[in-house]
C-alpha atoms as a PDB file:
ATOM      1  CA  MET A   1      76.064  73.702  97.058  1.00  0.00           C
ATOM      2  CA  ASP A   2      76.425  77.433  97.751  1.00  0.00           C
ATOM      3  CA  VAL A   3      74.560  79.075 100.633  1.00  0.00           C
ATOM      4  CA  LEU A   4      71.934  80.802  98.488  1.00  0.00           C
ATOM      5  CA  ALA A   5      71.143  77.550  96.675  1.00  0.00           C
ATOM      6  CA  GLY A   6      70.739  75.797 100.007  1.00  0.00           C
ATOM      7  CA  LEU A   7      68.430  78.448 101.399  1.00  0.00           C
ATOM      8  CA  LEU A   8      66.382  78.558  98.205  1.00  0.00           C
ATOM      9  CA  ASP A   9      65.731  74.845  98.622  1.00  0.00           C
ATOM     10  CA  GLY A  10      63.338  75.760 101.438  1.00  0.00           C
ATOM     11  CA  PRO A  11      60.665  77.619  99.478  1.00  0.00           C
ATOM     12  CA  ARG A  12      60.729  75.228  96.511  1.00  0.00           C
ATOM     13  CA  ALA A  13      57.350  75.210  94.794  1.00  0.00           C
ATOM     14  CA  ARG A  14      55.414  71.982  95.199  1.00  0.00           C
ATOM     15  CA  GLY A  15      51.929  72.583  93.838  1.00  0.00           C
ATOM     16  CA  ALA A  16      52.156  76.330  94.477  1.00  0.00           C
ATOM     17  CA  PHE A  17      49.063  78.436  93.820  1.00  0.00           C
ATOM     18  CA  LEU A  18      49.351  80.293  90.509  1.00  0.00           C
ATOM     19  CA  LEU A  19      46.808  82.705  89.056  1.00  0.00           C
ATOM     20  CA  ARG A  20      46.455  85.212  86.230  1.00  0.00           C
ATOM     21  CA  SER A  21      44.292  88.182  87.240  1.00  0.00           C
ATOM     22  CA  VAL A  22      42.689  90.550  84.714  1.00  0.00           C
ATOM     23  CA  LEU A  23      41.220  93.643  86.367  1.00  0.00           C
ATOM     24  CA  ASP A  24      39.598  96.960  85.501  1.00  0.00           C
ATOM     25  CA  PRO A  25      39.720  99.878  87.977  1.00  0.00           C
ATOM     26  CA  PRO A  26      38.559 100.461  90.547  1.00  0.00           C
ATOM     27  CA  TRP A  27      39.725  97.249  92.179  1.00  0.00           C
ATOM     28  CA  ALA A  28      41.377  96.293  95.467  1.00  0.00           C
ATOM     29  CA  LEU A  29      42.166  92.877  96.942  1.00  0.00           C
ATOM     30  CA  ARG A  30      42.732  92.358 100.634  1.00  0.00           C
ATOM     31  CA  VAL A  31      45.187  89.443 100.935  1.00  0.00           C
ATOM     32  CA  GLN A  32      45.124  87.684 104.292  1.00  0.00           C
ATOM     33  CA  ASP A  33      46.048  84.166 103.218  1.00  0.00           C
ATOM     34  CA  ARG A  34      48.913  83.863 105.750  1.00  0.00           C
ATOM     35  CA  ALA A  35      51.230  82.672 102.968  1.00  0.00           C
ATOM     36  CA  PRO A  36      54.940  83.104 103.787  1.00  0.00           C
ATOM     37  CA  LEU A  37      55.943  84.217 100.290  1.00  0.00           C
ATOM     38  CA  THR A  38      54.175  85.510  97.168  1.00  0.00           C
ATOM     39  CA  LEU A  39      55.455  86.696  93.790  1.00  0.00           C
ATOM     40  CA  VAL A  40      53.499  89.298  91.843  1.00  0.00           C
ATOM     41  CA  ALA A  41      54.465  90.017  88.218  1.00  0.00           C
ATOM     42  CA  LEU A  42      52.819  92.801  86.210  1.00  0.00           C
ATOM     43  CA  VAL A  43      52.229  91.878  82.579  1.00  0.00           C
ATOM     44  CA  ARG A  44      50.128  94.908  81.722  1.00  0.00           C
ATOM     45  CA  GLY A  45      48.970  98.062  83.477  1.00  0.00           C
ATOM     46  CA  TRP A  46      49.827  98.936  87.071  1.00  0.00           C
ATOM     47  CA  ALA A  47      49.149  97.965  90.683  1.00  0.00           C
ATOM     48  CA  TRP A  48      49.903  99.211  94.184  1.00  0.00           C
ATOM     49  CA  ILE A  49      50.983  96.896  96.999  1.00  0.00           C
ATOM     50  CA  LEU A  50      50.106  98.273 100.425  1.00  0.00           C
ATOM     51  CA  PRO A  51      51.682  96.411 103.388  1.00  0.00           C
ATOM     52  CA  GLU A  52      50.185  96.849 106.849  1.00  0.00           C
ATOM     53  CA  ARG A  53      53.105  98.763 108.361  1.00  0.00           C
ATOM     54  CA  ASP A  54      55.252  99.898 105.431  1.00  0.00           C
ATOM     55  CA  GLU A  55      55.112 102.282 102.521  1.00  0.00           C
ATOM     56  CA  ALA A  56      53.016 101.526  99.442  1.00  0.00           C
ATOM     57  CA  VAL A  57      54.897 100.205  96.406  1.00  0.00           C
ATOM     58  CA  ARG A  58      53.776 100.816  92.830  1.00  0.00           C
ATOM     59  CA  LEU A  59      54.370  98.194  90.153  1.00  0.00           C
ATOM     60  CA  ASP A  60      54.226  98.779  86.411  1.00  0.00           C
ATOM     61  CA  ALA A  61      54.325  96.405  83.446  1.00  0.00           C
ATOM     62  CA  GLY A  62      57.454  94.246  83.604  1.00  0.00           C
ATOM     63  CA  ASP A  63      58.025  94.776  87.339  1.00  0.00           C
ATOM     64  CA  VAL A  64      58.100  91.854  89.769  1.00  0.00           C
ATOM     65  CA  ALA A  65      57.530  91.979  93.531  1.00  0.00           C
ATOM     66  CA  VAL A  66      58.295  89.453  96.257  1.00  0.00           C
ATOM     67  CA  VAL A  67      55.866  89.925  99.154  1.00  0.00           C
ATOM     68  CA  ARG A  68      56.947  88.466 102.489  1.00  0.00           C
ATOM     69  CA  GLY A  69      54.176  87.099 104.704  1.00  0.00           C
ATOM     70  CA  PRO A  70      52.398  86.137 106.740  1.00  0.00           C
ATOM     71  CA  ASP A  71      51.102  89.649 107.509  1.00  0.00           C
ATOM     72  CA  PRO A  72      48.104  90.798 105.443  1.00  0.00           C
ATOM     73  CA  TYR A  73      48.415  93.397 102.695  1.00  0.00           C
ATOM     74  CA  THR A  74      46.280  95.028 100.014  1.00  0.00           C
ATOM     75  CA  ILE A  75      46.945  95.155  96.297  1.00  0.00           C
ATOM     76  CA  ALA A  76      44.915  97.701  94.358  1.00  0.00           C
ATOM     77  CA  ASP A  77      44.679 100.005  91.372  1.00  0.00           C
ATOM     78  CA  ASP A  78      45.081 102.993  93.706  1.00  0.00           C
ATOM     79  CA  PRO A  79      46.044 103.358  97.389  1.00  0.00           C
ATOM     80  CA  ALA A  80      42.708 105.080  98.024  1.00  0.00           C
ATOM     81  CA  THR A  81      40.550 102.239  96.651  1.00  0.00           C
ATOM     82  CA  ALA A  82      38.770 100.317  99.392  1.00  0.00           C
ATOM     83  CA  PRO A  83      39.071  96.498  99.188  1.00  0.00           C
ATOM     84  CA  THR A  84      36.099  94.754  97.604  1.00  0.00           C
ATOM     85  CA  VAL A  85      37.636  91.273  97.618  1.00  0.00           C
ATOM     86  CA  VAL A  86      39.268  89.281 100.429  1.00  0.00           C
ATOM     87  CA  ILE A  87      41.718  86.409  99.836  1.00  0.00           C
ATOM     88  CA  HIS A  88      41.696  83.914 102.711  1.00  0.00           C
ATOM     89  CA  PRO A  89      43.959  80.937 103.601  1.00  0.00           C
ATOM     90  CA  GLY A  90      43.624  78.195 101.027  1.00  0.00           C
ATOM     91  CA  GLN A  91      43.107  80.952  98.416  1.00  0.00           C
ATOM     92  CA  LEU A  92      39.400  81.184  99.173  1.00  0.00           C
ATOM     93  CA  CYS A  93      38.123  84.386  97.572  1.00  0.00           C
ATOM     94  CA  THR A  94      35.104  86.225  98.952  1.00  0.00           C
ATOM     95  CA  SER A  95      33.319  89.545  98.606  1.00  0.00           C
ATOM     96  CA  ALA A  96      34.404  92.085 101.227  1.00  0.00           C
ATOM     97  CA  SER A  97      30.822  93.339 101.581  1.00  0.00           C
ATOM     98  CA  ASP A  98      28.831  90.161 102.173  1.00  0.00           C
ATOM     99  CA  GLY A  99      31.339  87.285 102.320  1.00  0.00           C
ATOM    100  CA  ARG A 100      29.957  85.404  99.309  1.00  0.00           C
ATOM    101  CA  SER A 101      32.347  83.284  97.266  1.00  0.00           C
ATOM    102  CA  LEU A 102      33.611  84.903  94.065  1.00  0.00           C
ATOM    103  CA  ARG A 103      35.218  81.784  92.651  1.00  0.00           C
ATOM    104  CA  GLU A 104      32.634  81.160  89.922  1.00  0.00           C
ATOM    105  CA  GLU A 105      31.564  84.774  89.441  1.00  0.00           C
ATOM    106  CA  TRP A 106      35.108  85.935  88.618  1.00  0.00           C
ATOM    107  CA  ASP A 107      36.243  82.781  86.780  1.00  0.00           C
ATOM    108  CA  LEU A 108      37.699  83.604  83.347  1.00  0.00           C
ATOM    109  CA  GLY A 109      39.151  80.240  82.317  1.00  0.00           C
ATOM    110  CA  VAL A 110      42.330  78.263  82.962  1.00  0.00           C
ATOM    111  CA  ARG A 111      44.017  79.784  86.036  1.00  0.00           C
ATOM    112  CA  THR A 112      42.494  83.138  85.089  1.00  0.00           C
ATOM    113  CA  TRP A 113      40.286  85.291  87.258  1.00  0.00           C
ATOM    114  CA  GLY A 114      39.039  88.864  87.359  1.00  0.00           C
ATOM    115  CA  THR A 115      36.527  91.477  86.304  1.00  0.00           C
ATOM    116  CA  GLY A 116      36.762  90.913  82.534  1.00  0.00           C
ATOM    117  CA  ARG A 117      38.958  89.528  79.776  1.00  0.00           C
ATOM    118  CA  ASP A 118      40.223  92.936  78.579  1.00  0.00           C
ATOM    119  CA  GLY A 119      41.040  94.592  81.894  1.00  0.00           C
ATOM    120  CA  ALA A 120      43.540  97.442  82.160  1.00  0.00           C
ATOM    121  CA  THR A 121      45.787  95.406  84.468  1.00  0.00           C
ATOM    122  CA  THR A 122      47.013  91.853  83.988  1.00  0.00           C
ATOM    123  CA  MET A 123      49.126  90.359  86.759  1.00  0.00           C
ATOM    124  CA  LEU A 124      50.492  86.952  87.609  1.00  0.00           C
ATOM    125  CA  THR A 125      50.530  85.715  91.179  1.00  0.00           C
ATOM    126  CA  GLY A 126      52.518  82.772  92.498  1.00  0.00           C
ATOM    127  CA  THR A 127      51.976  81.880  96.140  1.00  0.00           C
ATOM    128  CA  TYR A 128      54.169  79.598  98.237  1.00  0.00           C
ATOM    129  CA  GLU A 129      51.592  78.502 100.774  1.00  0.00           C
ATOM    130  CA  ARG A 130      54.092  76.836 103.081  1.00  0.00           C
ATOM    131  CA  ALA A 131      57.775  77.644 103.519  1.00  0.00           C
ATOM    132  CA  GLY A 132      60.193  75.171 105.026  1.00  0.00           C
ATOM    133  CA  GLU A 133      62.475  75.845 107.945  1.00  0.00           C
ATOM    134  CA  ILE A 134      65.406  76.318 105.574  1.00  0.00           C
ATOM    135  CA  SER A 135      63.779  79.338 103.988  1.00  0.00           C
ATOM    136  CA  ARG A 136      63.403  81.262 107.242  1.00  0.00           C
ATOM    137  CA  SER A 137      66.952  82.653 107.078  1.00  0.00           C
ATOM    138  CA  LEU A 138      66.239  83.820 103.558  1.00  0.00           C
ATOM    139  CA  LEU A 139      62.847  85.320 104.375  1.00  0.00           C
ATOM    140  CA  ALA A 140      64.315  87.169 107.352  1.00  0.00           C
ATOM    141  CA  ALA A 141      66.676  89.003 104.989  1.00  0.00           C
ATOM    142  CA  LEU A 142      63.861  90.353 102.798  1.00  0.00           C
ATOM    143  CA  PRO A 143      61.916  93.602 103.153  1.00  0.00           C
ATOM    144  CA  PRO A 144      58.099  93.288 103.392  1.00  0.00           C
ATOM    145  CA  VAL A 145      57.898  94.088  99.670  1.00  0.00           C
ATOM    146  CA  LEU A 146      60.896  93.607  97.389  1.00  0.00           C
ATOM    147  CA  ALA A 147      60.251  95.307  94.040  1.00  0.00           C
ATOM    148  CA  MET A 148      62.408  94.435  91.047  1.00  0.00           C
ATOM    149  CA  ARG A 149      62.005  97.016  88.289  1.00  0.00           C
ATOM    150  CA  ARG A 150      61.917  96.045  84.644  1.00  0.00           C
ATOM    151  CA  ALA A 151      64.740  98.499  83.910  1.00  0.00           C
ATOM    152  CA  ASP A 152      67.009  96.838  86.499  1.00  0.00           C
ATOM    153  CA  TRP A 153      67.070  93.332  85.074  1.00  0.00           C
ATOM    154  CA  ASP A 154      66.602  91.460  81.827  1.00  0.00           C
ATOM    155  CA  SER A 155      64.752  88.152  82.061  1.00  0.00           C
ATOM    156  CA  PRO A 156      62.312  86.298  79.787  1.00  0.00           C
ATOM    157  CA  LEU A 157      60.774  84.434  82.723  1.00  0.00           C
ATOM    158  CA  VAL A 158      57.711  86.665  83.208  1.00  0.00           C
ATOM    159  CA  THR A 159      56.774  86.351  79.545  1.00  0.00           C
ATOM    160  CA  LEU A 160      57.265  82.592  79.669  1.00  0.00           C
ATOM    161  CA  LEU A 161      55.234  82.250  82.870  1.00  0.00           C
ATOM    162  CA  ALA A 162      52.434  84.376  81.363  1.00  0.00           C
ATOM    163  CA  HIS A 163      52.252  81.957  78.454  1.00  0.00           C
ATOM    164  CA  GLU A 164      52.410  78.773  80.507  1.00  0.00           C
ATOM    165  CA  ILE A 165      50.027  79.803  83.291  1.00  0.00           C
ATOM    166  CA  VAL A 166      47.006  79.611  80.954  1.00  0.00           C
ATOM    167  CA  THR A 167      48.102  76.325  79.386  1.00  0.00           C
ATOM    168  CA  ASP A 168      46.292  73.184  80.479  1.00  0.00           C
ATOM    169  CA  THR A 169      48.176  70.042  79.504  1.00  0.00           C
ATOM    170  CA  VAL A 170      49.823  66.956  80.982  1.00  0.00           C
ATOM    171  CA  GLY A 171      52.579  67.803  83.461  1.00  0.00           C
ATOM    172  CA  GLN A 172      51.696  71.499  83.512  1.00  0.00           C
ATOM    173  CA  ARG A 173      51.783  71.728  87.297  1.00  0.00           C
ATOM    174  CA  ALA A 174      55.438  70.679  87.357  1.00  0.00           C
ATOM    175  CA  VAL A 175      56.272  73.175  84.586  1.00  0.00           C
ATOM    176  CA  LEU A 176      54.644  76.030  86.490  1.00  0.00           C
ATOM    177  CA  ASP A 177      56.319  75.103  89.774  1.00  0.00           C
ATOM    178  CA  ARG A 178      59.745  75.117  88.160  1.00  0.00           C
ATOM    179  CA  LEU A 179      59.096  78.423  86.374  1.00  0.00           C
ATOM    180  CA  LEU A 180      57.968  80.016  89.624  1.00  0.00           C
ATOM    181  CA  ASP A 181      61.111  78.771  91.361  1.00  0.00           C
ATOM    182  CA  ALA A 182      63.279  80.101  88.540  1.00  0.00           C
ATOM    183  CA  LEU A 183      61.615  83.508  88.727  1.00  0.00           C
ATOM    184  CA  LEU A 184      62.064  83.686  92.488  1.00  0.00           C
ATOM    185  CA  ILE A 185      65.730  82.709  92.264  1.00  0.00           C
ATOM    186  CA  ALA A 186      66.388  85.245  89.490  1.00  0.00           C
ATOM    187  CA  VAL A 187      64.770  88.081  91.437  1.00  0.00           C
ATOM    188  CA  LEU A 188      66.490  87.279  94.739  1.00  0.00           C
ATOM    189  CA  ARG A 189      69.894  86.764  93.162  1.00  0.00           C
ATOM    190  CA  THR A 190      69.667  90.101  91.346  1.00  0.00           C
ATOM    191  CA  TRP A 191      68.430  91.895  94.462  1.00  0.00           C
ATOM    192  CA  LEU A 192      71.093  90.448  96.767  1.00  0.00           C
ATOM    193  CA  ALA A 193      73.849  91.319  94.304  1.00  0.00           C
ATOM    194  CA  GLY A 194      72.831  94.971  94.530  1.00  0.00           C
ATOM    195  CA  GLN A 195      72.640  95.201  98.314  1.00  0.00           C
ATOM    196  CA  GLU A 196      76.343  95.838  98.968  1.00  0.00           C
ATOM    197  CA  GLU A 197      76.908  96.110 102.725  1.00  0.00           C
ATOM    198  CA  SER A 198      73.231  95.718 103.685  1.00  0.00           C
ATOM    199  CA  ALA A 199      73.085  92.112 102.481  1.00  0.00           C
ATOM    200  CA  PRO A 200      72.926  89.429 105.196  1.00  0.00           C
ATOM    201  CA  GLY A 201      76.205  88.134 106.576  1.00  0.00           C
ATOM    202  CA  TRP A 202      75.936  84.696 104.979  1.00  0.00           C
ATOM    203  CA  TYR A 203      75.707  86.408 101.570  1.00  0.00           C
ATOM    204  CA  ARG A 204      78.507  88.953 102.095  1.00  0.00           C
ATOM    205  CA  ALA A 205      80.729  86.119 103.291  1.00  0.00           C
ATOM    206  CA  GLN A 206      80.792  84.758  99.734  1.00  0.00           C
ATOM    207  CA  ARG A 207      83.406  87.419  98.933  1.00  0.00           C
ATOM    208  CA  ASP A 208      86.011  85.644 101.060  1.00  0.00           C
ATOM    209  CA  PRO A 209      87.247  82.535  99.187  1.00  0.00           C
ATOM    210  CA  ALA A 210      88.033  80.528 102.314  1.00  0.00           C
ATOM    211  CA  VAL A 211      84.755  81.310 104.095  1.00  0.00           C
ATOM    212  CA  ARG A 212      82.805  80.713 100.888  1.00  0.00           C
ATOM    213  CA  LYS A 213      84.412  77.278 100.537  1.00  0.00           C
ATOM    214  CA  ALA A 214      83.680  76.453 104.189  1.00  0.00           C
ATOM    215  CA  LEU A 215      80.029  77.393 103.769  1.00  0.00           C
ATOM    216  CA  GLN A 216      79.777  75.316 100.611  1.00  0.00           C
ATOM    217  CA  LEU A 217      81.235  72.303 102.399  1.00  0.00           C
ATOM    218  CA  VAL A 218      78.865  72.627 105.352  1.00  0.00           C
ATOM    219  CA  HIS A 219      75.809  73.026 103.126  1.00  0.00           C
ATOM    220  CA  SER A 220      76.794  70.272 100.702  1.00  0.00           C
ATOM    221  CA  ALA A 221      77.660  67.659 103.347  1.00  0.00           C
ATOM    222  CA  PRO A 222      76.115  68.473 106.735  1.00  0.00           C
ATOM    223  CA  GLU A 223      76.407  64.789 107.666  1.00  0.00           C
ATOM    224  CA  HIS A 224      80.219  64.921 107.560  1.00  0.00           C
ATOM    225  CA  PRO A 225      81.980  65.064 110.971  1.00  0.00           C
ATOM    226  CA  TRP A 226      83.390  68.524 110.347  1.00  0.00           C
ATOM    227  CA  THR A 227      85.810  70.256 112.683  1.00  0.00           C
ATOM    228  CA  VAL A 228      87.277  73.734 112.335  1.00  0.00           C
ATOM    229  CA  ALA A 229      90.629  72.130 111.582  1.00  0.00           C
ATOM    230  CA  GLY A 230      89.121  69.886 108.928  1.00  0.00           C
ATOM    231  CA  LEU A 231      87.321  72.778 107.254  1.00  0.00           C
ATOM    232  CA  ALA A 232      90.460  74.910 107.381  1.00  0.00           C
ATOM    233  CA  THR A 233      92.485  72.176 105.661  1.00  0.00           C
ATOM    234  CA  GLU A 234      89.919  71.902 102.874  1.00  0.00           C
ATOM    235  CA  CYS A 235      89.900  75.696 102.509  1.00  0.00           C
ATOM    236  CA  GLY A 236      93.679  76.048 102.410  1.00  0.00           C
ATOM    237  CA  VAL A 237      94.037  78.295 105.449  1.00  0.00           C
ATOM    238  CA  SER A 238      94.954  77.860 109.096  1.00  0.00           C
ATOM    239  CA  ARG A 239      92.389  76.934 111.731  1.00  0.00           C
ATOM    240  CA  THR A 240      92.841  80.338 113.417  1.00  0.00           C
ATOM    241  CA  VAL A 241      92.422  82.311 110.204  1.00  0.00           C
ATOM    242  CA  LEU A 242      89.255  80.445 109.188  1.00  0.00           C
ATOM    243  CA  ALA A 243      87.692  80.786 112.638  1.00  0.00           C
ATOM    244  CA  ARG A 244      88.399  84.519 112.731  1.00  0.00           C
ATOM    245  CA  ARG A 245      87.243  85.308 109.178  1.00  0.00           C
ATOM    246  CA  PHE A 246      84.167  83.089 109.450  1.00  0.00           C
ATOM    247  CA  THR A 247      83.034  84.647 112.722  1.00  0.00           C
ATOM    248  CA  GLU A 248      83.627  88.196 111.480  1.00  0.00           C
ATOM    249  CA  LEU A 249      81.749  87.742 108.198  1.00  0.00           C
ATOM    250  CA  VAL A 250      78.970  85.281 109.068  1.00  0.00           C
ATOM    251  CA  GLY A 251      78.370  86.490 112.610  1.00  0.00           C
ATOM    252  CA  GLN A 252      78.931  83.204 114.440  1.00  0.00           C
ATOM    253  CA  PRO A 253      81.768  80.650 114.760  1.00  0.00           C
ATOM    254  CA  PRO A 254      81.980  77.804 112.219  1.00  0.00           C
ATOM    255  CA  MET A 255      80.815  75.066 114.589  1.00  0.00           C
ATOM    256  CA  SER A 256      77.893  77.134 115.834  1.00  0.00           C
ATOM    257  CA  TYR A 257      76.857  77.757 112.253  1.00  0.00           C
ATOM    258  CA  LEU A 258      77.191  74.034 111.468  1.00  0.00           C
ATOM    259  CA  THR A 259      74.966  73.098 114.408  1.00  0.00           C
ATOM    260  CA  SER A 260      72.389  75.708 113.445  1.00  0.00           C
ATOM    261  CA  TRP A 261      72.326  74.536 109.823  1.00  0.00           C
ATOM    262  CA  ARG A 262      72.038  70.869 110.805  1.00  0.00           C
ATOM    263  CA  LEU A 263      69.076  71.545 113.090  1.00  0.00           C
ATOM    264  CA  THR A 264      67.393  73.816 110.561  1.00  0.00           C
ATOM    265  CA  LEU A 265      67.770  71.137 107.910  1.00  0.00           C
ATOM    266  CA  ALA A 266      66.526  68.508 110.366  1.00  0.00           C
ATOM    267  CA  ALA A 267      63.400  70.545 111.109  1.00  0.00           C
ATOM    268  CA  ASP A 268      62.667  70.776 107.402  1.00  0.00           C
ATOM    269  CA  LEU A 269      63.271  67.078 106.780  1.00  0.00           C
ATOM    270  CA  LEU A 270      61.096  66.045 109.738  1.00  0.00           C
ATOM    271  CA  CYS A 271      58.057  67.528 107.982  1.00  0.00           C
ATOM    272  CA  ARG A 272      58.503  65.413 104.867  1.00  0.00           C
ATOM    273  CA  PRO A 273      56.227  62.363 104.485  1.00  0.00           C
ATOM    274  CA  GLY A 274      57.762  59.092 105.633  1.00  0.00           C
ATOM    275  CA  SER A 275      60.652  60.649 107.510  1.00  0.00           C
ATOM    276  CA  THR A 276      61.905  59.148 110.764  1.00  0.00           C
ATOM    277  CA  VAL A 277      63.963  60.781 113.481  1.00  0.00           C
ATOM    278  CA  ALA A 278      66.704  58.177 112.995  1.00  0.00           C
ATOM    279  CA  GLY A 279      66.775  58.732 109.237  1.00  0.00           C
ATOM    280  CA  VAL A 280      66.894  62.498 109.618  1.00  0.00           C
ATOM    281  CA  ALA A 281      69.646  62.185 112.226  1.00  0.00           C
ATOM    282  CA  ARG A 282      71.851  60.330 109.751  1.00  0.00           C
ATOM    283  CA  ARG A 283      71.151  62.907 107.009  1.00  0.00           C
ATOM    284  CA  VAL A 284      72.300  65.824 109.155  1.00  0.00           C
ATOM    285  CA  GLY A 285      75.320  64.371 110.925  1.00  0.00           C
ATOM    286  CA  TYR A 286      73.993  62.926 114.185  1.00  0.00           C
ATOM    287  CA  GLY A 287      74.895  59.311 114.873  1.00  0.00           C
ATOM    288  CA  THR A 288      71.651  58.375 116.596  1.00  0.00           C
ATOM    289  CA  ALA A 289      68.076  59.564 116.965  1.00  0.00           C
ATOM    290  CA  PHE A 290      68.840  60.202 120.638  1.00  0.00           C
ATOM    291  CA  ALA A 291      71.733  62.540 119.772  1.00  0.00           C
ATOM    292  CA  LEU A 292      69.572  64.539 117.372  1.00  0.00           C
ATOM    293  CA  SER A 293      66.690  64.671 119.850  1.00  0.00           C
ATOM    294  CA  ALA A 294      68.952  65.990 122.594  1.00  0.00           C
ATOM    295  CA  ALA A 295      70.438  68.717 120.364  1.00  0.00           C
ATOM    296  CA  PHE A 296      67.049  69.609 118.900  1.00  0.00           C
ATOM    297  CA  LYS A 297      65.394  69.943 122.295  1.00  0.00           C
ATOM    298  CA  ARG A 298      68.313  71.969 123.664  1.00  0.00           C
ATOM    299  CA  GLU A 299      68.043  74.391 120.734  1.00  0.00           C
ATOM    300  CA  ARG A 300      64.253  74.569 120.262  1.00  0.00           C
ATOM    301  CA  GLY A 301      62.784  73.492 123.561  1.00  0.00           C
ATOM    302  CA  ILE A 302      60.794  70.580 122.108  1.00  0.00           C
ATOM    303  CA  SER A 303      61.648  67.146 120.739  1.00  0.00           C
ATOM    304  CA  PRO A 304      61.723  66.349 117.004  1.00  0.00           C
ATOM    305  CA  ARG A 305      58.503  64.345 117.331  1.00  0.00           C
ATOM    306  CA  GLU A 306      56.767  67.205 119.133  1.00  0.00           C
ATOM    307  CA  TYR A 307      57.964  69.621 116.460  1.00  0.00           C
ATOM    308  CA  ARG A 308      56.623  67.413 113.673  1.00  0.00           C
ATOM    309  CA  ALA A 309      53.261  67.072 115.405  1.00  0.00           C
ATOM    310  CA  LEU A 310      52.977  70.869 115.722  1.00  0.00           C
ATOM    311  CA  ALA A 311      53.922  71.321 112.066  1.00  0.00           C
ATOM    312  CA  ASP A 312      51.324  68.767 110.975  1.00  0.00           C
ATOM    313  CA  ARG A 313      48.589  70.529 112.925  1.00  0.00           C
ATOM    314  CA  SER A 314      49.452  73.921 111.412  1.00  0.00           C
ATOM    315  CA  SER A 315      49.631  72.712 107.793  1.00  0.00           C
END
């Protein structure tokens, strides 16, 4: 498993919220759903995304944007249009003027919503309402709004998603989740490839064959009792060379990175139904629940059980 694949495992869609919006100007939606990650794809027309503390971004037909939460933002036909609709957590939609629900009033059919069936703008929205711990390293590398222009990439995924989002058949939820994941991966992979020196260290490190192999080994088998010497042997370089290159490119020594990845993976696994501290400990390379608990508390200040309880209350 390469590093990007491992990090993308965090925001995997599992019943993500998907919606097709058809809108005629003037329109403006105030999004304050606290979602960690949202994809917006323009099928027709145009839209402006206005983050709280960053510059407005215009999208045209064929463009795709990744919006990093949880800060609120506005999406509108024009930066000057005042919001008339508010999107709350749980995707509750209300009028900005009187707070009444717009769910039935704006309903246009299967996963379709808006002011009318022939609006000037048609956009698709896919919202990851909860991101795992694994995805935090990925999210931290993203700007508030990442815009991928139609001219900069060639993908049939938006067209396919536009077709499938209004289809109502057996297994459709799984189809839409996988399409949303594929679209996210395609956008992020294309964006990262164009970042040159501004890409995060774990991505730039892929250019070094030995460091890339070490990262792949750590991500593929975190339960293995890795040492710097063992990784170096697998990578075909000396222990000293691997330690130096790894630290320079990734920003931390190999064993520190391994510990960080194990605990990040453990935090994600702890939130899955039916997990136990002992079972998670084995999955991430700790011999006992006690060993994982000690490392987890040293790193995060709370025990695995306390962390899981906090995560359950916030979900």
